[in-house]
Amino acid sequence: MVATPKWRFEYNLNTLVIIFGFAGLIAWGATWERVKANQDSQANSIDRLDKRLTAAEVSLRQIDNHELRIPAVEKQAAEAATSMKAVENTLNSLSINTRVMREIPQRIEASQRDGAQLLR
């Protein structure tokens, strides 16, 4: 009688490579799916950041524009103040000249009165 062979548990290298290969393929597929799913959310985040950056650039341009205008307005204000001082000085000199012009006829009238009183 022939003896029945004993069952032995052995690892076959090809079987292990195929099993790990399928497991790696499944893991790669799951990872790829997660990457693709996150790619849309990342694209939305990039769009949102791009819009924020555009808005910030617009604000920065406005600030730059104001920074250019403010010194010009300050210069105009200084020039206006200088012009007002010149006008004030001119008005003061005209006031003095007007006062002198009033005094001249008064002195003439006074001298004529004094001369008329001496003749009497």
PDB file of N, CA and C in Angstrom:
ATOM      1  N   MET A   1       0.796  -1.133   0.000  1.00  0.00           N
ATOM      2  CA  MET A   1       0.000   0.000   0.000  1.00  0.00           C
ATOM      3  C   MET A   1       0.872   1.241   0.000  1.00  0.00           C
ATOM      4  N   VAL A   2       0.396   2.201  -0.770  1.00  0.00           N
ATOM      5  CA  VAL A   2       1.174   3.429  -0.941  1.00  0.00           C
ATOM      6  C   VAL A   2       0.705   4.405   0.136  1.00  0.00           C
ATOM      7  N   ALA A   3       1.663   4.993   0.762  1.00  0.00           N
ATOM      8  CA  ALA A   3       1.337   5.916   1.836  1.00  0.00           C
ATOM      9  C   ALA A   3       0.863   7.239   1.254  1.00  0.00           C
ATOM     10  N   THR A   4      -0.131   7.789   1.849  1.00  0.00           N
ATOM     11  CA  THR A   4      -0.635   9.077   1.389  1.00  0.00           C
ATOM     12  C   THR A   4       0.371  10.157   1.764  1.00  0.00           C
ATOM     13  N   PRO A   5       0.585  11.026   0.802  1.00  0.00           N
ATOM     14  CA  PRO A   5       1.571  12.062   1.098  1.00  0.00           C
ATOM     15  C   PRO A   5       1.052  13.008   2.189  1.00  0.00           C
ATOM     16  N   LYS A   6       1.966  13.480   2.963  1.00  0.00           N
ATOM     17  CA  LYS A   6       1.628  14.422   4.027  1.00  0.00           C
ATOM     18  C   LYS A   6       1.513  15.822   3.414  1.00  0.00           C
ATOM     19  N   TRP A   7       0.538  16.512   3.873  1.00  0.00           N
ATOM     20  CA  TRP A   7       0.357  17.869   3.341  1.00  0.00           C
ATOM     21  C   TRP A   7       1.323  18.799   4.030  1.00  0.00           C
ATOM     22  N   ARG A   8       2.030  19.567   3.190  1.00  0.00           N
ATOM     23  CA  ARG A   8       2.991  20.523   3.738  1.00  0.00           C
ATOM     24  C   ARG A   8       2.585  21.934   3.312  1.00  0.00           C
ATOM     25  N   PHE A   9       2.727  22.856   4.227  1.00  0.00           N
ATOM     26  CA  PHE A   9       2.405  24.244   3.915  1.00  0.00           C
ATOM     27  C   PHE A   9       3.677  24.928   3.466  1.00  0.00           C
ATOM     28  N   GLU A  10       3.721  25.309   2.184  1.00  0.00           N
ATOM     29  CA  GLU A  10       4.892  25.968   1.626  1.00  0.00           C
ATOM     30  C   GLU A  10       4.454  27.273   0.980  1.00  0.00           C
ATOM     31  N   TYR A  11       5.370  28.235   1.016  1.00  0.00           N
ATOM     32  CA  TYR A  11       5.115  29.513   0.360  1.00  0.00           C
ATOM     33  C   TYR A  11       5.658  29.437  -1.051  1.00  0.00           C
ATOM     34  N   ASN A  12       4.802  29.777  -2.016  1.00  0.00           N
ATOM     35  CA  ASN A  12       5.235  29.837  -3.399  1.00  0.00           C
ATOM     36  C   ASN A  12       5.554  31.306  -3.692  1.00  0.00           C
ATOM     37  N   LEU A  13       6.742  31.587  -4.165  1.00  0.00           N
ATOM     38  CA  LEU A  13       7.185  32.956  -4.401  1.00  0.00           C
ATOM     39  C   LEU A  13       6.315  33.648  -5.440  1.00  0.00           C
ATOM     40  N   ASN A  14       5.937  32.986  -6.497  1.00  0.00           N
ATOM     41  CA  ASN A  14       5.099  33.597  -7.537  1.00  0.00           C
ATOM     42  C   ASN A  14       3.741  33.997  -6.975  1.00  0.00           C
ATOM     43  N   THR A  15       3.191  33.155  -6.125  1.00  0.00           N
ATOM     44  CA  THR A  15       1.891  33.472  -5.540  1.00  0.00           C
ATOM     45  C   THR A  15       2.003  34.707  -4.649  1.00  0.00           C
ATOM     46  N   LEU A  16       3.057  34.777  -3.851  1.00  0.00           N
ATOM     47  CA  LEU A  16       3.247  35.943  -2.982  1.00  0.00           C
ATOM     48  C   LEU A  16       3.440  37.221  -3.806  1.00  0.00           C
ATOM     49  N   VAL A  17       4.213  37.140  -4.879  1.00  0.00           N
ATOM     50  CA  VAL A  17       4.439  38.323  -5.726  1.00  0.00           C
ATOM     51  C   VAL A  17       3.132  38.777  -6.349  1.00  0.00           C
ATOM     52  N   ILE A  18       2.328  37.871  -6.813  1.00  0.00           N
ATOM     53  CA  ILE A  18       1.046  38.222  -7.440  1.00  0.00           C
ATOM     54  C   ILE A  18       0.102  38.831  -6.402  1.00  0.00           C
ATOM     55  N   ILE A  19       0.034  38.262  -5.202  1.00  0.00           N
ATOM     56  CA  ILE A  19      -0.854  38.785  -4.153  1.00  0.00           C
ATOM     57  C   ILE A  19      -0.429  40.203  -3.757  1.00  0.00           C
ATOM     58  N   PHE A  20       0.883  40.384  -3.506  1.00  0.00           N
ATOM     59  CA  PHE A  20       1.356  41.730  -3.162  1.00  0.00           C
ATOM     60  C   PHE A  20       1.217  42.697  -4.333  1.00  0.00           C
ATOM     61  N   GLY A  21       1.338  42.198  -5.533  1.00  0.00           N
ATOM     62  CA  GLY A  21       1.146  43.057  -6.715  1.00  0.00           C
ATOM     63  C   GLY A  21      -0.279  43.554  -6.810  1.00  0.00           C
ATOM     64  N   PHE A  22      -1.258  42.637  -6.616  1.00  0.00           N
ATOM     65  CA  PHE A  22      -2.660  43.059  -6.638  1.00  0.00           C
ATOM     66  C   PHE A  22      -2.970  44.024  -5.490  1.00  0.00           C
ATOM     67  N   ALA A  23      -2.408  43.738  -4.310  1.00  0.00           N
ATOM     68  CA  ALA A  23      -2.628  44.627  -3.165  1.00  0.00           C
ATOM     69  C   ALA A  23      -2.037  46.010  -3.458  1.00  0.00           C
ATOM     70  N   GLY A  24      -0.836  46.034  -4.052  1.00  0.00           N
ATOM     71  CA  GLY A  24      -0.217  47.314  -4.416  1.00  0.00           C
ATOM     72  C   GLY A  24      -1.020  48.047  -5.474  1.00  0.00           C
ATOM     73  N   LEU A  25      -1.563  47.320  -6.445  1.00  0.00           N
ATOM     74  CA  LEU A  25      -2.382  47.922  -7.501  1.00  0.00           C
ATOM     75  C   LEU A  25      -3.651  48.524  -6.919  1.00  0.00           C
ATOM     76  N   ILE A  26      -4.264  47.816  -5.977  1.00  0.00           N
ATOM     77  CA  ILE A  26      -5.480  48.331  -5.332  1.00  0.00           C
ATOM     78  C   ILE A  26      -5.142  49.565  -4.498  1.00  0.00           C
ATOM     79  N   ALA A  27      -4.033  49.518  -3.766  1.00  0.00           N
ATOM     80  CA  ALA A  27      -3.626  50.680  -2.963  1.00  0.00           C
ATOM     81  C   ALA A  27      -3.301  51.870  -3.855  1.00  0.00           C
ATOM     82  N   TRP A  28      -2.624  51.617  -4.990  1.00  0.00           N
ATOM     83  CA  TRP A  28      -2.310  52.695  -5.922  1.00  0.00           C
ATOM     84  C   TRP A  28      -3.588  53.304  -6.487  1.00  0.00           C
ATOM     85  N   GLY A  29      -4.560  52.484  -6.820  1.00  0.00           N
ATOM     86  CA  GLY A  29      -5.843  52.975  -7.338  1.00  0.00           C
ATOM     87  C   GLY A  29      -6.573  53.830  -6.320  1.00  0.00           C
ATOM     88  N   ALA A  30      -6.578  53.385  -5.047  1.00  0.00           N
ATOM     89  CA  ALA A  30      -7.237  54.164  -3.992  1.00  0.00           C
ATOM     90  C   ALA A  30      -6.521  55.496  -3.794  1.00  0.00           C
ATOM     91  N   THR A  31      -5.194  55.455  -3.822  1.00  0.00           N
ATOM     92  CA  THR A  31      -4.419  56.691  -3.674  1.00  0.00           C
ATOM     93  C   THR A  31      -4.687  57.628  -4.840  1.00  0.00           C
ATOM     94  N   TRP A  32      -4.729  57.087  -6.039  1.00  0.00           N
ATOM     95  CA  TRP A  32      -4.997  57.906  -7.226  1.00  0.00           C
ATOM     96  C   TRP A  32      -6.375  58.544  -7.142  1.00  0.00           C
ATOM     97  N   GLU A  33      -7.360  57.801  -6.645  1.00  0.00           N
ATOM     98  CA  GLU A  33      -8.711  58.339  -6.495  1.00  0.00           C
ATOM     99  C   GLU A  33      -8.725  59.494  -5.495  1.00  0.00           C
ATOM    100  N   ARG A  34      -7.989  59.341  -4.391  1.00  0.00           N
ATOM    101  CA  ARG A  34      -7.912  60.427  -3.411  1.00  0.00           C
ATOM    102  C   ARG A  34      -7.224  61.649  -3.999  1.00  0.00           C
ATOM    103  N   VAL A  35      -6.175  61.438  -4.768  1.00  0.00           N
ATOM    104  CA  VAL A  35      -5.474  62.562  -5.406  1.00  0.00           C
ATOM    105  C   VAL A  35      -6.410  63.289  -6.358  1.00  0.00           C
ATOM    106  N   LYS A  36      -7.149  62.548  -7.163  1.00  0.00           N
ATOM    107  CA  LYS A  36      -8.083  63.179  -8.110  1.00  0.00           C
ATOM    108  C   LYS A  36      -9.196  63.922  -7.370  1.00  0.00           C
ATOM    109  N   ALA A  37      -9.681  63.343  -6.272  1.00  0.00           N
ATOM    110  CA  ALA A  37     -10.746  63.994  -5.503  1.00  0.00           C
ATOM    111  C   ALA A  37     -10.233  65.289  -4.873  1.00  0.00           C
ATOM    112  N   ASN A  38      -9.012  65.278  -4.364  1.00  0.00           N
ATOM    113  CA  ASN A  38      -8.458  66.475  -3.747  1.00  0.00           C
ATOM    114  C   ASN A  38      -8.032  67.509  -4.777  1.00  0.00           C
ATOM    115  N   GLN A  39      -7.825  67.068  -5.996  1.00  0.00           N
ATOM    116  CA  GLN A  39      -7.387  67.990  -7.039  1.00  0.00           C
ATOM    117  C   GLN A  39      -8.458  69.043  -7.314  1.00  0.00           C
ATOM    118  N   ASP A  40      -9.720  68.667  -7.296  1.00  0.00           N
ATOM    119  CA  ASP A  40     -10.805  69.629  -7.517  1.00  0.00           C
ATOM    120  C   ASP A  40     -10.880  70.648  -6.379  1.00  0.00           C
ATOM    121  N   SER A  41     -10.765  70.162  -5.143  1.00  0.00           N
ATOM    122  CA  SER A  41     -10.826  71.102  -4.024  1.00  0.00           C
ATOM    123  C   SER A  41      -9.620  72.032  -4.038  1.00  0.00           C
ATOM    124  N   GLN A  42      -8.463  71.504  -4.429  1.00  0.00           N
ATOM    125  CA  GLN A  42      -7.275  72.358  -4.524  1.00  0.00           C
ATOM    126  C   GLN A  42      -7.435  73.385  -5.641  1.00  0.00           C
ATOM    127  N   ALA A  43      -8.047  72.987  -6.749  1.00  0.00           N
ATOM    128  CA  ALA A  43      -8.294  73.937  -7.845  1.00  0.00           C
ATOM    129  C   ALA A  43      -9.232  75.053  -7.375  1.00  0.00           C
ATOM    130  N   ASN A  44     -10.252  74.688  -6.594  1.00  0.00           N
ATOM    131  CA  ASN A  44     -11.164  75.707  -6.055  1.00  0.00           C
ATOM    132  C   ASN A  44     -10.423  76.641  -5.098  1.00  0.00           C
ATOM    133  N   SER A  45      -9.547  76.077  -4.291  1.00  0.00           N
ATOM    134  CA  SER A  45      -8.766  76.914  -3.363  1.00  0.00           C
ATOM    135  C   SER A  45      -7.847  77.856  -4.131  1.00  0.00           C
ATOM    136  N   ILE A  46      -7.249  77.364  -5.197  1.00  0.00           N
ATOM    137  CA  ILE A  46      -6.372  78.202  -6.009  1.00  0.00           C
ATOM    138  C   ILE A  46      -7.162  79.328  -6.658  1.00  0.00           C
ATOM    139  N   ASP A  47      -8.358  79.020  -7.154  1.00  0.00           N
ATOM    140  CA  ASP A  47      -9.204  80.063  -7.751  1.00  0.00           C
ATOM    141  C   ASP A  47      -9.580  81.116  -6.718  1.00  0.00           C
ATOM    142  N   ARG A  48      -9.932  80.653  -5.511  1.00  0.00           N
ATOM    143  CA  ARG A  48     -10.301  81.585  -4.446  1.00  0.00           C
ATOM    144  C   ARG A  48      -9.122  82.476  -4.078  1.00  0.00           C
ATOM    145  N   LEU A  49      -7.932  81.896  -3.962  1.00  0.00           N
ATOM    146  CA  LEU A  49      -6.739  82.686  -3.650  1.00  0.00           C
ATOM    147  C   LEU A  49      -6.404  83.656  -4.776  1.00  0.00           C
ATOM    148  N   ASP A  50      -6.629  83.228  -6.006  1.00  0.00           N
ATOM    149  CA  ASP A  50      -6.370  84.111  -7.146  1.00  0.00           C
ATOM    150  C   ASP A  50      -7.295  85.322  -7.108  1.00  0.00           C
ATOM    151  N   LYS A  51      -8.552  85.094  -6.755  1.00  0.00           N
ATOM    152  CA  LYS A  51      -9.500  86.209  -6.654  1.00  0.00           C
ATOM    153  C   LYS A  51      -9.104  87.152  -5.521  1.00  0.00           C
ATOM    154  N   ARG A  52      -8.688  86.573  -4.390  1.00  0.00           N
ATOM    155  CA  ARG A  52      -8.254  87.413  -3.272  1.00  0.00           C
ATOM    156  C   ARG A  52      -7.024  88.220  -3.646  1.00  0.00           C
ATOM    157  N   LEU A  53      -6.092  87.604  -4.353  1.00  0.00           N
ATOM    158  CA  LEU A  53      -4.877  88.307  -4.770  1.00  0.00           C
ATOM    159  C   LEU A  53      -5.223  89.433  -5.738  1.00  0.00           C
ATOM    160  N   THR A  54      -6.161  89.177  -6.643  1.00  0.00           N
ATOM    161  CA  THR A  54      -6.581  90.219  -7.586  1.00  0.00           C
ATOM    162  C   THR A  54      -7.200  91.401  -6.830  1.00  0.00           C
ATOM    163  N   ALA A  55      -8.047  91.090  -5.844  1.00  0.00           N
ATOM    164  CA  ALA A  55      -8.657  92.159  -5.044  1.00  0.00           C
ATOM    165  C   ALA A  55      -7.593  92.929  -4.266  1.00  0.00           C
ATOM    166  N   ALA A  56      -6.609  92.220  -3.733  1.00  0.00           N
ATOM    167  CA  ALA A  56      -5.530  92.889  -2.997  1.00  0.00           C
ATOM    168  C   ALA A  56      -4.703  93.773  -3.928  1.00  0.00           C
ATOM    169  N   GLU A  57      -4.475  93.323  -5.155  1.00  0.00           N
ATOM    170  CA  GLU A  57      -3.723  94.140  -6.112  1.00  0.00           C
ATOM    171  C   GLU A  57      -4.491  95.409  -6.463  1.00  0.00           C
ATOM    172  N   VAL A  58      -5.819  95.293  -6.597  1.00  0.00           N
ATOM    173  CA  VAL A  58      -6.628  96.477  -6.893  1.00  0.00           C
ATOM    174  C   VAL A  58      -6.523  97.476  -5.740  1.00  0.00           C
ATOM    175  N   SER A  59      -6.613  96.975  -4.506  1.00  0.00           N
ATOM    176  CA  SER A  59      -6.492  97.858  -3.344  1.00  0.00           C
ATOM    177  C   SER A  59      -5.108  98.491  -3.282  1.00  0.00           C
ATOM    178  N   LEU A  60      -4.098  97.713  -3.607  1.00  0.00           N
ATOM    179  CA  LEU A  60      -2.729  98.230  -3.586  1.00  0.00           C
ATOM    180  C   LEU A  60      -2.548  99.319  -4.633  1.00  0.00           C
ATOM    181  N   ARG A  61      -3.149  99.129  -5.806  1.00  0.00           N
ATOM    182  CA  ARG A  61      -3.071 100.181  -6.835  1.00  0.00           C
ATOM    183  C   ARG A  61      -3.755 101.451  -6.377  1.00  0.00           C
ATOM    184  N   GLN A  62      -4.899 101.306  -5.696  1.00  0.00           N
ATOM    185  CA  GLN A  62      -5.595 102.485  -5.191  1.00  0.00           C
ATOM    186  C   GLN A  62      -4.742 103.195  -4.140  1.00  0.00           C
ATOM    187  N   ILE A  63      -4.099 102.418  -3.274  1.00  0.00           N
ATOM    188  CA  ILE A  63      -3.238 103.023  -2.256  1.00  0.00           C
ATOM    189  C   ILE A  63      -2.061 103.730  -2.924  1.00  0.00           C
ATOM    190  N   ASP A  64      -1.469 103.085  -3.940  1.00  0.00           N
ATOM    191  CA  ASP A  64      -0.370 103.735  -4.654  1.00  0.00           C
ATOM    192  C   ASP A  64      -0.840 105.032  -5.303  1.00  0.00           C
ATOM    193  N   ASN A  65      -2.039 105.006  -5.878  1.00  0.00           N
ATOM    194  CA  ASN A  65      -2.594 106.197  -6.503  1.00  0.00           C
ATOM    195  C   ASN A  65      -2.783 107.302  -5.469  1.00  0.00           C
ATOM    196  N   HIS A  66      -3.294 106.922  -4.281  1.00  0.00           N
ATOM    197  CA  HIS A  66      -3.469 107.912  -3.220  1.00  0.00           C
ATOM    198  C   HIS A  66      -2.120 108.430  -2.734  1.00  0.00           C
ATOM    199  N   GLU A  67      -1.134 107.554  -2.665  1.00  0.00           N
ATOM    200  CA  GLU A  67       0.192 107.988  -2.241  1.00  0.00           C
ATOM    201  C   GLU A  67       0.786 108.973  -3.233  1.00  0.00           C
ATOM    202  N   LEU A  68       0.437 108.836  -4.494  1.00  0.00           N
ATOM    203  CA  LEU A  68       0.914 109.800  -5.492  1.00  0.00           C
ATOM    204  C   LEU A  68       0.144 111.111  -5.411  1.00  0.00           C
ATOM    205  N   ARG A  69      -1.141 111.027  -5.103  1.00  0.00           N
ATOM    206  CA  ARG A  69      -1.968 112.232  -5.084  1.00  0.00           C
ATOM    207  C   ARG A  69      -1.759 113.063  -3.822  1.00  0.00           C
ATOM    208  N   ILE A  70      -1.551 112.428  -2.699  1.00  0.00           N
ATOM    209  CA  ILE A  70      -1.438 113.160  -1.431  1.00  0.00           C
ATOM    210  C   ILE A  70      -0.293 114.168  -1.455  1.00  0.00           C
ATOM    211  N   PRO A  71       0.914 113.800  -1.900  1.00  0.00           N
ATOM    212  CA  PRO A  71       1.968 114.833  -1.961  1.00  0.00           C
ATOM    213  C   PRO A  71       1.627 115.971  -2.916  1.00  0.00           C
ATOM    214  N   ALA A  72       0.931 115.661  -4.009  1.00  0.00           N
ATOM    215  CA  ALA A  72       0.546 116.720  -4.946  1.00  0.00           C
ATOM    216  C   ALA A  72      -0.443 117.675  -4.275  1.00  0.00           C
ATOM    217  N   VAL A  73      -1.393 117.121  -3.523  1.00  0.00           N
ATOM    218  CA  VAL A  73      -2.370 117.969  -2.826  1.00  0.00           C
ATOM    219  C   VAL A  73      -1.678 118.783  -1.738  1.00  0.00           C
ATOM    220  N   GLU A  74      -0.735 118.171  -1.021  1.00  0.00           N
ATOM    221  CA  GLU A  74       0.002 118.910   0.003  1.00  0.00           C
ATOM    222  C   GLU A  74       0.813 120.045  -0.621  1.00  0.00           C
ATOM    223  N   LYS A  75       1.403 119.789  -1.771  1.00  0.00           N
ATOM    224  CA  LYS A  75       2.161 120.828  -2.458  1.00  0.00           C
ATOM    225  C   LYS A  75       1.233 121.965  -2.893  1.00  0.00           C
ATOM    226  N   GLN A  76       0.061 121.609  -3.412  1.00  0.00           N
ATOM    227  CA  GLN A  76      -0.893 122.634  -3.815  1.00  0.00           C
ATOM    228  C   GLN A  76      -1.362 123.441  -2.610  1.00  0.00           C
ATOM    229  N   ALA A  77      -1.575 122.762  -1.480  1.00  0.00           N
ATOM    230  CA  ALA A  77      -2.002 123.477  -0.269  1.00  0.00           C
ATOM    231  C   ALA A  77      -0.910 124.439   0.196  1.00  0.00           C
ATOM    232  N   ALA A  78       0.344 123.997   0.128  1.00  0.00           N
ATOM    233  CA  ALA A  78       1.446 124.878   0.524  1.00  0.00           C
ATOM    234  C   ALA A  78       1.535 126.076  -0.425  1.00  0.00           C
ATOM    235  N   GLU A  79       1.370 125.825  -1.717  1.00  0.00           N
ATOM    236  CA  GLU A  79       1.402 126.927  -2.692  1.00  0.00           C
ATOM    237  C   GLU A  79       0.228 127.877  -2.470  1.00  0.00           C
ATOM    238  N   ALA A  80      -0.943 127.319  -2.131  1.00  0.00           N
ATOM    239  CA  ALA A  80      -2.105 128.168  -1.860  1.00  0.00           C
ATOM    240  C   ALA A  80      -1.860 129.019  -0.617  1.00  0.00           C
ATOM    241  N   ALA A  81      -1.240 128.445   0.397  1.00  0.00           N
ATOM    242  CA  ALA A  81      -0.936 129.216   1.607  1.00  0.00           C
ATOM    243  C   ALA A  81       0.050 130.333   1.291  1.00  0.00           C
ATOM    244  N   THR A  82       1.047 130.033   0.466  1.00  0.00           N
ATOM    245  CA  THR A  82       2.013 131.063   0.066  1.00  0.00           C
ATOM    246  C   THR A  82       1.315 132.159  -0.723  1.00  0.00           C
ATOM    247  N   SER A  83       0.431 131.763  -1.618  1.00  0.00           N
ATOM    248  CA  SER A  83      -0.311 132.759  -2.409  1.00  0.00           C
ATOM    249  C   SER A  83      -1.202 133.606  -1.505  1.00  0.00           C
ATOM    250  N   MET A  84      -1.840 132.978  -0.522  1.00  0.00           N
ATOM    251  CA  MET A  84      -2.700 133.736   0.386  1.00  0.00           C
ATOM    252  C   MET A  84      -1.879 134.735   1.203  1.00  0.00           C
ATOM    253  N   LYS A  85      -0.670 134.350   1.613  1.00  0.00           N
ATOM    254  CA  LYS A  85       0.193 135.293   2.334  1.00  0.00           C
ATOM    255  C   LYS A  85       0.568 136.460   1.437  1.00  0.00           C
ATOM    256  N   ALA A  86       0.829 136.170   0.161  1.00  0.00           N
ATOM    257  CA  ALA A  86       1.159 137.245  -0.773  1.00  0.00           C
ATOM    258  C   ALA A  86      -0.029 138.175  -0.959  1.00  0.00           C
ATOM    259  N   VAL A  87      -1.225 137.616  -1.068  1.00  0.00           N
ATOM    260  CA  VAL A  87      -2.436 138.440  -1.198  1.00  0.00           C
ATOM    261  C   VAL A  87      -2.640 139.264   0.069  1.00  0.00           C
ATOM    262  N   GLU A  88      -2.416 138.645   1.223  1.00  0.00           N
ATOM    263  CA  GLU A  88      -2.565 139.363   2.485  1.00  0.00           C
ATOM    264  C   GLU A  88      -1.573 140.526   2.581  1.00  0.00           C
ATOM    265  N   ASN A  89      -0.338 140.268   2.173  1.00  0.00           N
ATOM    266  CA  ASN A  89       0.664 141.350   2.182  1.00  0.00           C
ATOM    267  C   ASN A  89       0.262 142.468   1.229  1.00  0.00           C
ATOM    268  N   THR A  90      -0.247 142.103   0.064  1.00  0.00           N
ATOM    269  CA  THR A  90      -0.682 143.112  -0.910  1.00  0.00           C
ATOM    270  C   THR A  90      -1.844 143.925  -0.349  1.00  0.00           C
ATOM    271  N   LEU A  91      -2.805 143.239   0.284  1.00  0.00           N
ATOM    272  CA  LEU A  91      -3.937 143.960   0.872  1.00  0.00           C
ATOM    273  C   LEU A  91      -3.476 144.888   2.001  1.00  0.00           C
ATOM    274  N   ASN A  92      -2.516 144.429   2.795  1.00  0.00           N
ATOM    275  CA  ASN A  92      -1.995 145.290   3.862  1.00  0.00           C
ATOM    276  C   ASN A  92      -1.321 146.530   3.282  1.00  0.00           C
ATOM    277  N   SER A  93      -0.535 146.347   2.244  1.00  0.00           N
ATOM    278  CA  SER A  93       0.126 147.520   1.643  1.00  0.00           C
ATOM    279  C   SER A  93      -0.909 148.434   0.997  1.00  0.00           C
ATOM    280  N   LEU A  94      -1.956 147.868   0.371  1.00  0.00           N
ATOM    281  CA  LEU A  94      -3.020 148.713  -0.183  1.00  0.00           C
ATOM    282  C   LEU A  94      -3.762 149.459   0.917  1.00  0.00           C
ATOM    283  N   SER A  95      -3.954 148.809   2.049  1.00  0.00           N
ATOM    284  CA  SER A  95      -4.624 149.464   3.170  1.00  0.00           C
ATOM    285  C   SER A  95      -3.791 150.636   3.669  1.00  0.00           C
ATOM    286  N   ILE A  96      -2.501 150.412   3.755  1.00  0.00           N
ATOM    287  CA  ILE A  96      -1.608 151.499   4.191  1.00  0.00           C
ATOM    288  C   ILE A  96      -1.635 152.628   3.176  1.00  0.00           C
ATOM    289  N   ASN A  97      -1.576 152.293   1.890  1.00  0.00           N
ATOM    290  CA  ASN A  97      -1.612 153.313   0.844  1.00  0.00           C
ATOM    291  C   ASN A  97      -2.930 154.077   0.872  1.00  0.00           C
ATOM    292  N   THR A  98      -4.037 153.382   1.126  1.00  0.00           N
ATOM    293  CA  THR A  98      -5.341 154.043   1.194  1.00  0.00           C
ATOM    294  C   THR A  98      -5.386 154.998   2.382  1.00  0.00           C
ATOM    295  N   ARG A  99      -4.841 154.596   3.499  1.00  0.00           N
ATOM    296  CA  ARG A  99      -4.806 155.450   4.681  1.00  0.00           C
ATOM    297  C   ARG A  99      -3.994 156.708   4.396  1.00  0.00           C
ATOM    298  N   VAL A 100      -2.842 156.531   3.735  1.00  0.00           N
ATOM    299  CA  VAL A 100      -2.003 157.678   3.395  1.00  0.00           C
ATOM    300  C   VAL A 100      -2.743 158.592   2.422  1.00  0.00           C
ATOM    301  N   MET A 101      -3.466 157.952   1.457  1.00  0.00           N
ATOM    302  CA  MET A 101      -4.206 158.772   0.485  1.00  0.00           C
ATOM    303  C   MET A 101      -5.312 159.574   1.179  1.00  0.00           C
ATOM    304  N   ARG A 102      -5.912 159.038   2.244  1.00  0.00           N
ATOM    305  CA  ARG A 102      -6.921 159.780   2.993  1.00  0.00           C
ATOM    306  C   ARG A 102      -6.288 160.922   3.797  1.00  0.00           C
ATOM    307  N   GLU A 103      -5.112 160.653   4.306  1.00  0.00           N
ATOM    308  CA  GLU A 103      -4.449 161.664   5.129  1.00  0.00           C
ATOM    309  C   GLU A 103      -3.985 162.854   4.298  1.00  0.00           C
ATOM    310  N   ILE A 104      -3.594 162.610   3.055  1.00  0.00           N
ATOM    311  CA  ILE A 104      -3.102 163.701   2.203  1.00  0.00           C
ATOM    312  C   ILE A 104      -4.170 164.773   2.005  1.00  0.00           C
ATOM    313  N   PRO A 105      -5.418 164.393   1.560  1.00  0.00           N
ATOM    314  CA  PRO A 105      -6.423 165.482   1.428  1.00  0.00           C
ATOM    315  C   PRO A 105      -6.749 166.146   2.765  1.00  0.00           C
ATOM    316  N   GLN A 106      -6.722 165.361   3.862  1.00  0.00           N
ATOM    317  CA  GLN A 106      -6.999 165.977   5.164  1.00  0.00           C
ATOM    318  C   GLN A 106      -5.931 167.004   5.518  1.00  0.00           C
ATOM    319  N   ARG A 107      -4.677 166.708   5.224  1.00  0.00           N
ATOM    320  CA  ARG A 107      -3.597 167.648   5.510  1.00  0.00           C
ATOM    321  C   ARG A 107      -3.723 168.888   4.611  1.00  0.00           C
ATOM    322  N   ILE A 108      -4.099 168.645   3.357  1.00  0.00           N
ATOM    323  CA  ILE A 108      -4.271 169.793   2.439  1.00  0.00           C
ATOM    324  C   ILE A 108      -5.391 170.687   2.953  1.00  0.00           C
ATOM    325  N   GLU A 109      -6.528 170.059   3.336  1.00  0.00           N
ATOM    326  CA  GLU A 109      -7.643 170.846   3.853  1.00  0.00           C
ATOM    327  C   GLU A 109      -7.240 171.576   5.137  1.00  0.00           C
ATOM    328  N   ALA A 110      -6.501 170.911   5.983  1.00  0.00           N
ATOM    329  CA  ALA A 110      -6.082 171.536   7.240  1.00  0.00           C
ATOM    330  C   ALA A 110      -5.145 172.698   6.959  1.00  0.00           C
ATOM    331  N   SER A 111      -4.235 172.534   6.016  1.00  0.00           N
ATOM    332  CA  SER A 111      -3.314 173.637   5.712  1.00  0.00           C
ATOM    333  C   SER A 111      -4.068 174.792   5.060  1.00  0.00           C
ATOM    334  N   GLN A 112      -5.076 174.503   4.252  1.00  0.00           N
ATOM    335  CA  GLN A 112      -5.867 175.576   3.637  1.00  0.00           C
ATOM    336  C   GLN A 112      -6.677 176.309   4.701  1.00  0.00           C
ATOM    337  N   ARG A 113      -7.213 175.583   5.669  1.00  0.00           N
ATOM    338  CA  ARG A 113      -7.962 176.204   6.742  1.00  0.00           C
ATOM    339  C   ARG A 113      -7.063 177.090   7.598  1.00  0.00           C
ATOM    340  N   ASP A 114      -5.868 176.565   7.883  1.00  0.00           N
ATOM    341  CA  ASP A 114      -4.931 177.345   8.690  1.00  0.00           C
ATOM    342  C   ASP A 114      -4.503 178.620   7.933  1.00  0.00           C
ATOM    343  N   GLY A 115      -4.298 178.474   6.643  1.00  0.00           N
ATOM    344  CA  GLY A 115      -3.907 179.637   5.827  1.00  0.00           C
ATOM    345  C   GLY A 115      -5.050 180.626   5.713  1.00  0.00           C
ATOM    346  N   ALA A 116      -6.279 180.181   5.639  1.00  0.00           N
ATOM    347  CA  ALA A 116      -7.441 181.075   5.556  1.00  0.00           C
ATOM    348  C   ALA A 116      -7.647 181.788   6.852  1.00  0.00           C
ATOM    349  N   GLN A 117      -7.375 181.146   7.960  1.00  0.00           N
ATOM    350  CA  GLN A 117      -7.519 181.780   9.259  1.00  0.00           C
ATOM    351  C   GLN A 117      -6.438 182.840   9.460  1.00  0.00           C
ATOM    352  N   LEU A 118      -5.264 182.611   8.894  1.00  0.00           N
ATOM    353  CA  LEU A 118      -4.203 183.613   9.037  1.00  0.00           C
ATOM    354  C   LEU A 118      -4.542 184.862   8.207  1.00  0.00           C
ATOM    355  N   LEU A 119      -5.187 184.714   7.083  1.00  0.00           N
ATOM    356  CA  LEU A 119      -5.543 185.849   6.252  1.00  0.00           C
ATOM    357  C   LEU A 119      -6.655 186.687   6.876  1.00  0.00           C
ATOM    358  N   ARG A 120      -7.426 186.243   7.703  1.00  0.00           N
ATOM    359  CA  ARG A 120      -8.527 186.973   8.295  1.00  0.00           C
ATOM    360  C   ARG A 120      -8.059 187.875   9.335  1.00  0.00           C
TER     361      ARG A 120
END
